PDB file of N, CA and C in Angstrom:
ATOM      1  N   MET A   1       8.403 -12.854  -3.018  1.00  0.00           N
ATOM      2  CA  MET A   1       9.052 -11.577  -2.795  1.00  0.00           C
ATOM      3  C   MET A   1       9.172 -11.329  -1.297  1.00  0.00           C
ATOM      4  N   ASP A   2      10.344 -10.979  -0.845  1.00  0.00           N
ATOM      5  CA  ASP A   2      10.586 -10.708   0.565  1.00  0.00           C
ATOM      6  C   ASP A   2      10.092  -9.300   0.907  1.00  0.00           C
ATOM      7  N   ARG A   3       9.161  -9.203   1.852  1.00  0.00           N
ATOM      8  CA  ARG A   3       8.612  -7.917   2.241  1.00  0.00           C
ATOM      9  C   ARG A   3       9.093  -7.487   3.623  1.00  0.00           C
ATOM     10  N   SER A   4      10.155  -8.105   4.115  1.00  0.00           N
ATOM     11  CA  SER A   4      10.608  -7.793   5.464  1.00  0.00           C
ATOM     12  C   SER A   4      11.032  -6.338   5.608  1.00  0.00           C
ATOM     13  N   ASN A   5      11.367  -5.684   4.515  1.00  0.00           N
ATOM     14  CA  ASN A   5      11.763  -4.267   4.575  1.00  0.00           C
ATOM     15  C   ASN A   5      10.704  -3.341   3.987  1.00  0.00           C
ATOM     16  N   HIS A   6       9.503  -3.852   3.729  1.00  0.00           N
ATOM     17  CA  HIS A   6       8.457  -3.025   3.131  1.00  0.00           C
ATOM     18  C   HIS A   6       8.032  -1.949   4.120  1.00  0.00           C
ATOM     19  N   HIS A   7       7.937  -0.704   3.671  1.00  0.00           N
ATOM     20  CA  HIS A   7       7.687   0.428   4.561  1.00  0.00           C
ATOM     21  C   HIS A   7       6.275   0.502   5.103  1.00  0.00           C
ATOM     22  N   ASN A   8       5.295  -0.144   4.480  1.00  0.00           N
ATOM     23  CA  ASN A   8       3.922  -0.088   4.963  1.00  0.00           C
ATOM     24  C   ASN A   8       3.525  -1.331   5.733  1.00  0.00           C
ATOM     25  N   HIS A   9       4.451  -2.197   6.008  1.00  0.00           N
ATOM     26  CA  HIS A   9       4.157  -3.441   6.692  1.00  0.00           C
ATOM     27  C   HIS A   9       3.704  -3.146   8.111  1.00  0.00           C
ATOM     28  N   PRO A  10       2.481  -3.574   8.495  1.00  0.00           N
ATOM     29  CA  PRO A  10       2.045  -3.359   9.871  1.00  0.00           C
ATOM     30  C   PRO A  10       3.050  -3.958  10.844  1.00  0.00           C
ATOM     31  N   THR A  11       3.294  -3.267  11.890  1.00  0.00           N
ATOM     32  CA  THR A  11       4.241  -3.570  12.960  1.00  0.00           C
ATOM     33  C   THR A  11       5.686  -3.276  12.578  1.00  0.00           C
ATOM     34  N   LEU A  12       5.988  -2.984  11.321  1.00  0.00           N
ATOM     35  CA  LEU A  12       7.363  -2.673  10.928  1.00  0.00           C
ATOM     36  C   LEU A  12       7.732  -1.247  11.321  1.00  0.00           C
ATOM     37  N   ASN A  13       6.821  -0.312  11.081  1.00  0.00           N
ATOM     38  CA  ASN A  13       7.139   1.085  11.382  1.00  0.00           C
ATOM     39  C   ASN A  13       6.019   1.782  12.142  1.00  0.00           C
ATOM     40  N   ASP A  14       5.237   1.029  12.899  1.00  0.00           N
ATOM     41  CA  ASP A  14       4.128   1.655  13.609  1.00  0.00           C
ATOM     42  C   ASP A  14       4.223   1.477  15.130  1.00  0.00           C
ATOM     43  N   SER A  15       5.443   1.362  15.635  1.00  0.00           N
ATOM     44  CA  SER A  15       5.623   1.304  17.087  1.00  0.00           C
ATOM     45  C   SER A  15       5.334   2.682  17.672  1.00  0.00           C
ATOM     46  N   GLU A  16       5.056   2.726  18.949  1.00  0.00           N
ATOM     47  CA  GLU A  16       4.798   4.009  19.594  1.00  0.00           C
ATOM     48  C   GLU A  16       5.989   4.946  19.443  1.00  0.00           C
ATOM     49  N   LYS A  17       7.203   4.402  19.524  1.00  0.00           N
ATOM     50  CA  LYS A  17       8.417   5.206  19.359  1.00  0.00           C
ATOM     51  C   LYS A  17       8.478   5.812  17.958  1.00  0.00           C
ATOM     52  N   ASN A  18       8.250   4.995  16.937  1.00  0.00           N
ATOM     53  CA  ASN A  18       8.302   5.508  15.557  1.00  0.00           C
ATOM     54  C   ASN A  18       7.215   6.541  15.296  1.00  0.00           C
ATOM     55  N   LEU A  19       6.001   6.261  15.755  1.00  0.00           N
ATOM     56  CA  LEU A  19       4.905   7.201  15.541  1.00  0.00           C
ATOM     57  C   LEU A  19       5.167   8.520  16.267  1.00  0.00           C
ATOM     58  N   THR A  20       5.726   8.452  17.461  1.00  0.00           N
ATOM     59  CA  THR A  20       6.051   9.671  18.206  1.00  0.00           C
ATOM     60  C   THR A  20       7.129  10.473  17.483  1.00  0.00           C
ATOM     61  N   GLU A  21       8.153   9.790  16.981  1.00  0.00           N
ATOM     62  CA  GLU A  21       9.211  10.488  16.235  1.00  0.00           C
ATOM     63  C   GLU A  21       8.646  11.177  14.988  1.00  0.00           C
ATOM     64  N   ILE A  22       7.755  10.506  14.271  1.00  0.00           N
ATOM     65  CA  ILE A  22       7.150  11.097  13.072  1.00  0.00           C
ATOM     66  C   ILE A  22       6.320  12.322  13.457  1.00  0.00           C
ATOM     67  N   ALA A  23       5.439  12.167  14.460  1.00  0.00           N
ATOM     68  CA  ALA A  23       4.565  13.269  14.868  1.00  0.00           C
ATOM     69  C   ALA A  23       5.377  14.464  15.364  1.00  0.00           C
ATOM     70  N   GLU A  24       6.407  14.205  16.155  1.00  0.00           N
ATOM     71  CA  GLU A  24       7.224  15.304  16.675  1.00  0.00           C
ATOM     72  C   GLU A  24       8.022  15.980  15.568  1.00  0.00           C
ATOM     73  N   PHE A  25       8.477  15.212  14.579  1.00  0.00           N
ATOM     74  CA  PHE A  25       9.183  15.805  13.444  1.00  0.00           C
ATOM     75  C   PHE A  25       8.253  16.745  12.681  1.00  0.00           C
ATOM     76  N   ILE A  26       7.043  16.274  12.395  1.00  0.00           N
ATOM     77  CA  ILE A  26       6.075  17.116  11.679  1.00  0.00           C
ATOM     78  C   ILE A  26       5.778  18.370  12.491  1.00  0.00           C
ATOM     79  N   ALA A  27       5.542  18.209  13.792  1.00  0.00           N
ATOM     80  CA  ALA A  27       5.223  19.357  14.654  1.00  0.00           C
ATOM     81  C   ALA A  27       6.370  20.358  14.706  1.00  0.00           C
ATOM     82  N   ASP A  28       7.612  19.869  14.689  1.00  0.00           N
ATOM     83  CA  ASP A  28       8.765  20.772  14.691  1.00  0.00           C
ATOM     84  C   ASP A  28       8.822  21.613  13.417  1.00  0.00           C
ATOM     85  N   VAL A  29       8.366  21.041  12.308  1.00  0.00           N
ATOM     86  CA  VAL A  29       8.333  21.789  11.052  1.00  0.00           C
ATOM     87  C   VAL A  29       7.163  22.760  11.073  1.00  0.00           C
ATOM     88  N   GLY A  30       5.997  22.297  11.547  1.00  0.00           N
ATOM     89  CA  GLY A  30       4.819  23.153  11.637  1.00  0.00           C
ATOM     90  C   GLY A  30       3.603  22.365  12.064  1.00  0.00           C
ATOM     91  N   VAL A  31       2.965  22.772  13.163  1.00  0.00           N
ATOM     92  CA  VAL A  31       1.809  22.042  13.685  1.00  0.00           C
ATOM     93  C   VAL A  31       0.610  22.102  12.738  1.00  0.00           C
ATOM     94  N   GLU A  32       0.658  23.005  11.763  1.00  0.00           N
ATOM     95  CA  GLU A  32      -0.445  23.129  10.809  1.00  0.00           C
ATOM     96  C   GLU A  32      -0.325  22.141   9.646  1.00  0.00           C
ATOM     97  N   ILE A  33       0.754  21.395   9.575  1.00  0.00           N
ATOM     98  CA  ILE A  33       0.943  20.416   8.497  1.00  0.00           C
ATOM     99  C   ILE A  33       0.045  19.211   8.767  1.00  0.00           C
ATOM    100  N   PRO A  34      -0.806  18.819   7.821  1.00  0.00           N
ATOM    101  CA  PRO A  34      -1.662  17.645   8.020  1.00  0.00           C
ATOM    102  C   PRO A  34      -0.843  16.354   8.090  1.00  0.00           C
ATOM    103  N   TRP A  35      -1.311  15.436   8.938  1.00  0.00           N
ATOM    104  CA  TRP A  35      -0.700  14.105   9.035  1.00  0.00           C
ATOM    105  C   TRP A  35      -1.770  13.090   8.680  1.00  0.00           C
ATOM    106  N   HIS A  36      -1.556  12.385   7.588  1.00  0.00           N
ATOM    107  CA  HIS A  36      -2.478  11.341   7.134  1.00  0.00           C
ATOM    108  C   HIS A  36      -1.962   9.996   7.617  1.00  0.00           C
ATOM    109  N   VAL A  37      -2.738   9.328   8.436  1.00  0.00           N
ATOM    110  CA  VAL A  37      -2.378   8.016   8.962  1.00  0.00           C
ATOM    111  C   VAL A  37      -3.410   7.031   8.426  1.00  0.00           C
ATOM    112  N   SER A  38      -3.008   6.219   7.469  1.00  0.00           N
ATOM    113  CA  SER A  38      -3.951   5.313   6.813  1.00  0.00           C
ATOM    114  C   SER A  38      -3.665   3.863   7.146  1.00  0.00           C
ATOM    115  N   ARG A  39      -4.730   3.127   7.269  1.00  0.00           N
ATOM    116  CA  ARG A  39      -4.671   1.697   7.565  1.00  0.00           C
ATOM    117  C   ARG A  39      -4.322   0.926   6.294  1.00  0.00           C
ATOM    118  N   LEU A  40      -3.388  -0.002   6.400  1.00  0.00           N
ATOM    119  CA  LEU A  40      -3.034  -0.861   5.274  1.00  0.00           C
ATOM    120  C   LEU A  40      -4.072  -1.958   5.119  1.00  0.00           C
ATOM    121  N   TYR A  41      -4.561  -2.120   3.903  1.00  0.00           N
ATOM    122  CA  TYR A  41      -5.413  -3.254   3.556  1.00  0.00           C
ATOM    123  C   TYR A  41      -4.630  -4.139   2.616  1.00  0.00           C
ATOM    124  N   PRO A  42      -4.568  -5.417   2.896  1.00  0.00           N
ATOM    125  CA  PRO A  42      -3.861  -6.321   1.979  1.00  0.00           C
ATOM    126  C   PRO A  42      -4.524  -6.319   0.600  1.00  0.00           C
ATOM    127  N   ALA A  43      -3.729  -6.077  -0.414  1.00  0.00           N
ATOM    128  CA  ALA A  43      -4.248  -6.060  -1.787  1.00  0.00           C
ATOM    129  C   ALA A  43      -3.099  -6.291  -2.753  1.00  0.00           C
ATOM    130  N   TYR A  44      -3.443  -6.698  -3.946  1.00  0.00           N
ATOM    131  CA  TYR A  44      -2.521  -6.910  -5.052  1.00  0.00           C
ATOM    132  C   TYR A  44      -1.345  -7.778  -4.632  1.00  0.00           C
ATOM    133  N   GLN A  45      -0.142  -7.237  -4.555  1.00  0.00           N
ATOM    134  CA  GLN A  45       1.032  -8.033  -4.218  1.00  0.00           C
ATOM    135  C   GLN A  45       1.309  -8.064  -2.709  1.00  0.00           C
ATOM    136  N   LEU A  46       0.429  -7.491  -1.931  1.00  0.00           N
ATOM    137  CA  LEU A  46       0.615  -7.455  -0.486  1.00  0.00           C
ATOM    138  C   LEU A  46      -0.423  -8.315   0.232  1.00  0.00           C
ATOM    139  N   LEU A  47      -0.941  -9.317  -0.452  1.00  0.00           N
ATOM    140  CA  LEU A  47      -1.984 -10.151   0.131  1.00  0.00           C
ATOM    141  C   LEU A  47      -1.508 -10.945   1.340  1.00  0.00           C
ATOM    142  N   ASP A  48      -0.217 -11.136   1.477  1.00  0.00           N
ATOM    143  CA  ASP A  48       0.308 -11.907   2.601  1.00  0.00           C
ATOM    144  C   ASP A  48       0.489 -11.065   3.862  1.00  0.00           C
ATOM    145  N   LEU A  49       0.180  -9.772   3.787  1.00  0.00           N
ATOM    146  CA  LEU A  49       0.331  -8.898   4.951  1.00  0.00           C
ATOM    147  C   LEU A  49      -1.002  -8.753   5.682  1.00  0.00           C
ATOM    148  N   PRO A  50      -0.960  -8.648   6.997  1.00  0.00           N
ATOM    149  CA  PRO A  50      -2.208  -8.425   7.745  1.00  0.00           C
ATOM    150  C   PRO A  50      -2.617  -6.959   7.652  1.00  0.00           C
ATOM    151  N   PRO A  51      -3.912  -6.665   7.800  1.00  0.00           N
ATOM    152  CA  PRO A  51      -4.323  -5.263   7.842  1.00  0.00           C
ATOM    153  C   PRO A  51      -3.795  -4.594   9.110  1.00  0.00           C
ATOM    154  N   THR A  52      -3.542  -3.315   9.027  1.00  0.00           N
ATOM    155  CA  THR A  52      -3.122  -2.562  10.207  1.00  0.00           C
ATOM    156  C   THR A  52      -4.255  -2.591  11.224  1.00  0.00           C
ATOM    157  N   PRO A  53      -3.976  -2.917  12.471  1.00  0.00           N
ATOM    158  CA  PRO A  53      -5.026  -2.887  13.487  1.00  0.00           C
ATOM    159  C   PRO A  53      -5.599  -1.473  13.647  1.00  0.00           C
ATOM    160  N   ILE A  54      -6.902  -1.378  13.779  1.00  0.00           N
ATOM    161  CA  ILE A  54      -7.554  -0.074  13.948  1.00  0.00           C
ATOM    162  C   ILE A  54      -7.000   0.641  15.176  1.00  0.00           C
ATOM    163  N   GLU A  55      -6.680  -0.121  16.206  1.00  0.00           N
ATOM    164  CA  GLU A  55      -6.137   0.470  17.429  1.00  0.00           C
ATOM    165  C   GLU A  55      -4.827   1.210  17.155  1.00  0.00           C
ATOM    166  N   THR A  56      -4.049   0.721  16.193  1.00  0.00           N
ATOM    167  CA  THR A  56      -2.786   1.381  15.844  1.00  0.00           C
ATOM    168  C   THR A  56      -3.048   2.751  15.240  1.00  0.00           C
ATOM    169  N   ILE A  57      -4.075   2.854  14.418  1.00  0.00           N
ATOM    170  CA  ILE A  57      -4.423   4.143  13.802  1.00  0.00           C
ATOM    171  C   ILE A  57      -4.912   5.111  14.881  1.00  0.00           C
ATOM    172  N   HIS A  58      -5.730   4.626  15.799  1.00  0.00           N
ATOM    173  CA  HIS A  58      -6.181   5.477  16.910  1.00  0.00           C
ATOM    174  C   HIS A  58      -5.001   5.924  17.769  1.00  0.00           C
ATOM    175  N   LYS A  59      -4.071   5.012  18.011  1.00  0.00           N
ATOM    176  CA  LYS A  59      -2.875   5.337  18.798  1.00  0.00           C
ATOM    177  C   LYS A  59      -2.085   6.447  18.099  1.00  0.00           C
ATOM    178  N   ALA A  60      -1.922   6.329  16.779  1.00  0.00           N
ATOM    179  CA  ALA A  60      -1.191   7.348  16.019  1.00  0.00           C
ATOM    180  C   ALA A  60      -1.873   8.702  16.132  1.00  0.00           C
ATOM    181  N   LYS A  61      -3.200   8.724  16.031  1.00  0.00           N
ATOM    182  CA  LYS A  61      -3.939   9.986  16.149  1.00  0.00           C
ATOM    183  C   LYS A  61      -3.681  10.621  17.515  1.00  0.00           C
ATOM    184  N   ASN A  62      -3.766   9.826  18.580  1.00  0.00           N
ATOM    185  CA  ASN A  62      -3.546  10.353  19.926  1.00  0.00           C
ATOM    186  C   ASN A  62      -2.125  10.866  20.109  1.00  0.00           C
ATOM    187  N   ILE A  63      -1.165  10.180  19.519  1.00  0.00           N
ATOM    188  CA  ILE A  63       0.230  10.630  19.574  1.00  0.00           C
ATOM    189  C   ILE A  63       0.379  11.958  18.843  1.00  0.00           C
ATOM    190  N   GLY A  64      -0.274  12.086  17.688  1.00  0.00           N
ATOM    191  CA  GLY A  64      -0.225  13.342  16.941  1.00  0.00           C
ATOM    192  C   GLY A  64      -0.840  14.496  17.708  1.00  0.00           C
ATOM    193  N   VAL A  65      -1.972  14.245  18.372  1.00  0.00           N
ATOM    194  CA  VAL A  65      -2.611  15.281  19.193  1.00  0.00           C
ATOM    195  C   VAL A  65      -1.670  15.699  20.314  1.00  0.00           C
ATOM    196  N   LYS A  66      -1.053  14.729  20.962  1.00  0.00           N
ATOM    197  CA  LYS A  66      -0.120  15.020  22.059  1.00  0.00           C
ATOM    198  C   LYS A  66       1.070  15.843  21.565  1.00  0.00           C
ATOM    199  N   ALA A  67       1.510  15.600  20.327  1.00  0.00           N
ATOM    200  CA  ALA A  67       2.632  16.357  19.753  1.00  0.00           C
ATOM    201  C   ALA A  67       2.217  17.766  19.349  1.00  0.00           C
ATOM    202  N   GLY A  68       0.912  18.042  19.339  1.00  0.00           N
ATOM    203  CA  GLY A  68       0.423  19.380  19.005  1.00  0.00           C
ATOM    204  C   GLY A  68      -0.053  19.541  17.577  1.00  0.00           C
ATOM    205  N   LEU A  69      -0.127  18.445  16.820  1.00  0.00           N
ATOM    206  CA  LEU A  69      -0.583  18.546  15.434  1.00  0.00           C
ATOM    207  C   LEU A  69      -2.052  18.936  15.399  1.00  0.00           C
ATOM    208  N   ARG A  70      -2.411  19.819  14.486  1.00  0.00           N
ATOM    209  CA  ARG A  70      -3.776  20.329  14.405  1.00  0.00           C
ATOM    210  C   ARG A  70      -4.677  19.509  13.487  1.00  0.00           C
ATOM    211  N   TYR A  71      -4.096  18.914  12.450  1.00  0.00           N
ATOM    212  CA  TYR A  71      -4.915  18.255  11.428  1.00  0.00           C
ATOM    213  C   TYR A  71      -4.421  16.834  11.209  1.00  0.00           C
ATOM    214  N   ILE A  72      -5.084  15.889  11.847  1.00  0.00           N
ATOM    215  CA  ILE A  72      -4.714  14.484  11.740  1.00  0.00           C
ATOM    216  C   ILE A  72      -5.871  13.760  11.064  1.00  0.00           C
ATOM    217  N   TYR A  73      -5.571  13.092   9.969  1.00  0.00           N
ATOM    218  CA  TYR A  73      -6.591  12.408   9.184  1.00  0.00           C
ATOM    219  C   TYR A  73      -6.347  10.910   9.224  1.00  0.00           C
ATOM    220  N   GLN A  74      -7.310  10.178   9.774  1.00  0.00           N
ATOM    221  CA  GLN A  74      -7.239   8.723   9.813  1.00  0.00           C
ATOM    222  C   GLN A  74      -7.914   8.179   8.562  1.00  0.00           C
ATOM    223  N   GLY A  75      -7.247   7.250   7.883  1.00  0.00           N
ATOM    224  CA  GLY A  75      -7.815   6.729   6.651  1.00  0.00           C
ATOM    225  C   GLY A  75      -8.002   5.226   6.664  1.00  0.00           C
ATOM    226  N   ASN A  76      -8.883   4.780   5.796  1.00  0.00           N
ATOM    227  CA  ASN A  76      -9.193   3.362   5.595  1.00  0.00           C
ATOM    228  C   ASN A  76      -9.802   2.709   6.832  1.00  0.00           C
ATOM    229  N   ILE A  77     -10.578   3.480   7.586  1.00  0.00           N
ATOM    230  CA  ILE A  77     -11.335   2.929   8.702  1.00  0.00           C
ATOM    231  C   ILE A  77     -12.802   3.216   8.397  1.00  0.00           C
ATOM    232  N   LEU A  78     -13.478   2.248   7.860  1.00  0.00           N
ATOM    233  CA  LEU A  78     -14.866   2.439   7.446  1.00  0.00           C
ATOM    234  C   LEU A  78     -15.736   2.901   8.594  1.00  0.00           C
ATOM    235  N   GLY A  79     -16.511   3.944   8.333  1.00  0.00           N
ATOM    236  CA  GLY A  79     -17.485   4.417   9.295  1.00  0.00           C
ATOM    237  C   GLY A  79     -16.969   5.333  10.387  1.00  0.00           C
ATOM    238  N   GLU A  80     -15.666   5.495  10.515  1.00  0.00           N
ATOM    239  CA  GLU A  80     -15.186   6.375  11.573  1.00  0.00           C
ATOM    240  C   GLU A  80     -13.915   7.121  11.232  1.00  0.00           C
ATOM    241  N   GLY A  81     -13.057   6.560  10.434  1.00  0.00           N
ATOM    242  CA  GLY A  81     -11.737   7.121  10.224  1.00  0.00           C
ATOM    243  C   GLY A  81     -11.690   8.406   9.444  1.00  0.00           C
ATOM    244  N   GLU A  82     -12.727   8.691   8.676  1.00  0.00           N
ATOM    245  CA  GLU A  82     -12.681   9.883   7.845  1.00  0.00           C
ATOM    246  C   GLU A  82     -13.142  11.130   8.581  1.00  0.00           C
ATOM    247  N   ASN A  83     -13.451  11.019   9.849  1.00  0.00           N
ATOM    248  CA  ASN A  83     -13.890  12.181  10.600  1.00  0.00           C
ATOM    249  C   ASN A  83     -12.700  12.926  11.187  1.00  0.00           C
ATOM    250  N   THR A  84     -12.804  14.240  11.206  1.00  0.00           N
ATOM    251  CA  THR A  84     -11.784  15.069  11.817  1.00  0.00           C
ATOM    252  C   THR A  84     -12.455  15.939  12.875  1.00  0.00           C
ATOM    253  N   TYR A  85     -11.658  16.610  13.680  1.00  0.00           N
ATOM    254  CA  TYR A  85     -12.185  17.391  14.781  1.00  0.00           C
ATOM    255  C   TYR A  85     -11.488  18.737  14.841  1.00  0.00           C
ATOM    256  N   CYS A  86     -12.247  19.766  15.203  1.00  0.00           N
ATOM    257  CA  CYS A  86     -11.646  21.076  15.404  1.00  0.00           C
ATOM    258  C   CYS A  86     -10.647  20.947  16.548  1.00  0.00           C
ATOM    259  N   TYR A  87      -9.430  21.411  16.340  1.00  0.00           N
ATOM    260  CA  TYR A  87      -8.403  21.243  17.355  1.00  0.00           C
ATOM    261  C   TYR A  87      -8.625  22.120  18.582  1.00  0.00           C
ATOM    262  N   ARG A  88      -9.521  23.086  18.501  1.00  0.00           N
ATOM    263  CA  ARG A  88      -9.802  23.918  19.665  1.00  0.00           C
ATOM    264  C   ARG A  88     -11.043  23.449  20.419  1.00  0.00           C
ATOM    265  N   CYS A  89     -12.182  23.336  19.730  1.00  0.00           N
ATOM    266  CA  CYS A  89     -13.432  23.042  20.444  1.00  0.00           C
ATOM    267  C   CYS A  89     -13.873  21.585  20.314  1.00  0.00           C
ATOM    268  N   GLY A  90     -13.275  20.828  19.410  1.00  0.00           N
ATOM    269  CA  GLY A  90     -13.576  19.407  19.308  1.00  0.00           C
ATOM    270  C   GLY A  90     -14.798  19.060  18.497  1.00  0.00           C
ATOM    271  N   GLU A  91     -15.478  20.049  17.887  1.00  0.00           N
ATOM    272  CA  GLU A  91     -16.648  19.707  17.080  1.00  0.00           C
ATOM    273  C   GLU A  91     -16.234  18.819  15.931  1.00  0.00           C
ATOM    274  N   ARG A  92     -17.068  17.862  15.625  1.00  0.00           N
ATOM    275  CA  ARG A  92     -16.777  16.861  14.612  1.00  0.00           C
ATOM    276  C   ARG A  92     -17.084  17.382  13.207  1.00  0.00           C
ATOM    277  N   PHE A  93     -16.158  17.094  12.307  1.00  0.00           N
ATOM    278  CA  PHE A  93     -16.333  17.388  10.901  1.00  0.00           C
ATOM    279  C   PHE A  93     -16.379  16.064  10.167  1.00  0.00           C
ATOM    280  N   GLY A  94     -17.136  15.984   9.120  1.00  0.00           N
ATOM    281  CA  GLY A  94     -17.123  14.785   8.295  1.00  0.00           C
ATOM    282  C   GLY A  94     -16.040  14.863   7.239  1.00  0.00           C
ATOM    283  N   TYR A  95     -15.868  13.782   6.537  1.00  0.00           N
ATOM    284  CA  TYR A  95     -14.866  13.701   5.475  1.00  0.00           C
ATOM    285  C   TYR A  95     -15.275  14.548   4.275  1.00  0.00           C
ATOM    286  N   ARG A  96     -16.562  14.558   3.968  1.00  0.00           N
ATOM    287  CA  ARG A  96     -17.064  15.278   2.806  1.00  0.00           C
ATOM    288  C   ARG A  96     -17.542  16.667   3.218  1.00  0.00           C
ATOM    289  N   ILE A  97     -17.179  17.667   2.446  1.00  0.00           N
ATOM    290  CA  ILE A  97     -17.627  19.029   2.745  1.00  0.00           C
ATOM    291  C   ILE A  97     -19.040  19.189   2.196  1.00  0.00           C
ATOM    292  N   VAL A  98     -19.999  19.301   3.105  1.00  0.00           N
ATOM    293  CA  VAL A  98     -21.393  19.488   2.720  1.00  0.00           C
ATOM    294  C   VAL A  98     -21.708  20.978   2.670  1.00  0.00           C
ATOM    295  N   LYS A  99     -21.152  21.733   3.617  1.00  0.00           N
ATOM    296  CA  LYS A  99     -21.362  23.171   3.680  1.00  0.00           C
ATOM    297  C   LYS A  99     -20.098  23.808   4.230  1.00  0.00           C
ATOM    298  N   ASN A 100     -19.566  24.793   3.536  1.00  0.00           N
ATOM    299  CA  ASN A 100     -18.379  25.499   4.010  1.00  0.00           C
ATOM    300  C   ASN A 100     -18.831  26.575   4.983  1.00  0.00           C
ATOM    301  N   ARG A 101     -18.532  26.358   6.259  1.00  0.00           N
ATOM    302  CA  ARG A 101     -18.951  27.297   7.302  1.00  0.00           C
ATOM    303  C   ARG A 101     -17.824  28.217   7.733  1.00  0.00           C
ATOM    304  N   ILE A 102     -16.681  28.127   7.096  1.00  0.00           N
ATOM    305  CA  ILE A 102     -15.546  28.970   7.458  1.00  0.00           C
ATOM    306  C   ILE A 102     -15.828  30.406   7.008  1.00  0.00           C
ATOM    307  N   ILE A 103     -15.657  31.351   7.919  1.00  0.00           N
ATOM    308  CA  ILE A 103     -15.881  32.766   7.607  1.00  0.00           C
ATOM    309  C   ILE A 103     -14.589  33.515   7.905  1.00  0.00           C
ATOM    310  N   GLU A 104     -14.033  34.168   6.882  1.00  0.00           N
ATOM    311  CA  GLU A 104     -12.785  34.912   7.020  1.00  0.00           C
ATOM    312  C   GLU A 104     -11.709  34.049   7.691  1.00  0.00           C
ATOM    313  N   SER A 105     -11.544  32.829   7.191  1.00  0.00           N
ATOM    314  CA  SER A 105     -10.546  31.854   7.643  1.00  0.00           C
ATOM    315  C   SER A 105     -10.748  31.358   9.070  1.00  0.00           C
ATOM    316  N   ALA A 106     -11.919  31.608   9.661  1.00  0.00           N
ATOM    317  CA  ALA A 106     -12.162  31.173  11.038  1.00  0.00           C
ATOM    318  C   ALA A 106     -13.373  30.256  11.104  1.00  0.00           C
ATOM    319  N   TYR A 107     -13.312  29.310  12.019  1.00  0.00           N
ATOM    320  CA  TYR A 107     -14.426  28.416  12.279  1.00  0.00           C
ATOM    321  C   TYR A 107     -15.403  29.158  13.182  1.00  0.00           C
ATOM    322  N   PRO A 108     -16.664  29.335  12.764  1.00  0.00           N
ATOM    323  CA  PRO A 108     -17.573  30.209  13.502  1.00  0.00           C
ATOM    324  C   PRO A 108     -17.944  29.737  14.910  1.00  0.00           C
ATOM    325  N   ARG A 109     -17.872  28.449  15.177  1.00  0.00           N
ATOM    326  CA  ARG A 109     -18.276  27.962  16.507  1.00  0.00           C
ATOM    327  C   ARG A 109     -17.343  28.472  17.599  1.00  0.00           C
ATOM    328  N   CYS A 110     -16.026  28.382  17.360  1.00  0.00           N
ATOM    329  CA  CYS A 110     -15.078  28.756  18.426  1.00  0.00           C
ATOM    330  C   CYS A 110     -14.122  29.867  18.011  1.00  0.00           C
ATOM    331  N   GLY A 111     -14.151  30.285  16.731  1.00  0.00           N
ATOM    332  CA  GLY A 111     -13.313  31.379  16.269  1.00  0.00           C
ATOM    333  C   GLY A 111     -11.892  31.010  15.910  1.00  0.00           C
ATOM    334  N   VAL A 112     -11.541  29.722  15.997  1.00  0.00           N
ATOM    335  CA  VAL A 112     -10.178  29.309  15.667  1.00  0.00           C
ATOM    336  C   VAL A 112      -9.895  29.594  14.186  1.00  0.00           C
ATOM    337  N   VAL A 113      -8.715  30.125  13.914  1.00  0.00           N
ATOM    338  CA  VAL A 113      -8.322  30.393  12.534  1.00  0.00           C
ATOM    339  C   VAL A 113      -7.829  29.084  11.927  1.00  0.00           C
ATOM    340  N   ILE A 114      -8.377  28.733  10.781  1.00  0.00           N
ATOM    341  CA  ILE A 114      -8.021  27.510  10.081  1.00  0.00           C
ATOM    342  C   ILE A 114      -6.840  27.806   9.166  1.00  0.00           C
ATOM    343  N   ASP A 115      -5.806  26.974   9.247  1.00  0.00           N
ATOM    344  CA  ASP A 115      -4.613  27.158   8.419  1.00  0.00           C
ATOM    345  C   ASP A 115      -4.926  26.818   6.970  1.00  0.00           C
ATOM    346  N   GLY A 116      -4.252  27.499   6.055  1.00  0.00           N
ATOM    347  CA  GLY A 116      -4.415  27.231   4.632  1.00  0.00           C
ATOM    348  C   GLY A 116      -4.995  28.422   3.921  1.00  0.00           C
ATOM    349  N   VAL A 117      -5.116  28.279   2.616  1.00  0.00           N
ATOM    350  CA  VAL A 117      -5.703  29.327   1.794  1.00  0.00           C
ATOM    351  C   VAL A 117      -7.162  28.965   1.584  1.00  0.00           C
ATOM    352  N   LEU A 118      -8.050  29.774   2.099  1.00  0.00           N
ATOM    353  CA  LEU A 118      -9.485  29.492   2.032  1.00  0.00           C
ATOM    354  C   LEU A 118     -10.183  30.567   1.217  1.00  0.00           C
ATOM    355  N   LYS A 119     -11.023  30.142   0.306  1.00  0.00           N
ATOM    356  CA  LYS A 119     -11.779  31.089  -0.518  1.00  0.00           C
ATOM    357  C   LYS A 119     -13.228  30.722  -0.513  1.00  0.00           C
TER     358      LYS A 119
END
């Protein structure tokens, strides 16, 4: 099967230009929209593809931050990719919610209002 046009193929759509266009498009719609950037792992019918370099995922995150995106989630990076950061104060959040510290839609450390419906 020819995968030359496969949309998740590493290096096919992960150039700095493409990532910047995606991040800026999302930011133009709304900086509060989450951007999930996940690493491709070869599996099933994609065994002939290389995994996405971790550096590419980090590059995408930095491009998203530069575009003004508030919620960027890196996926499929064992031990580090599932962490997120408060876009104002930079405190680290884990992937799993252990304790909901949001009070009246705000993060108590820096007071930033978190987008979304929170209960």
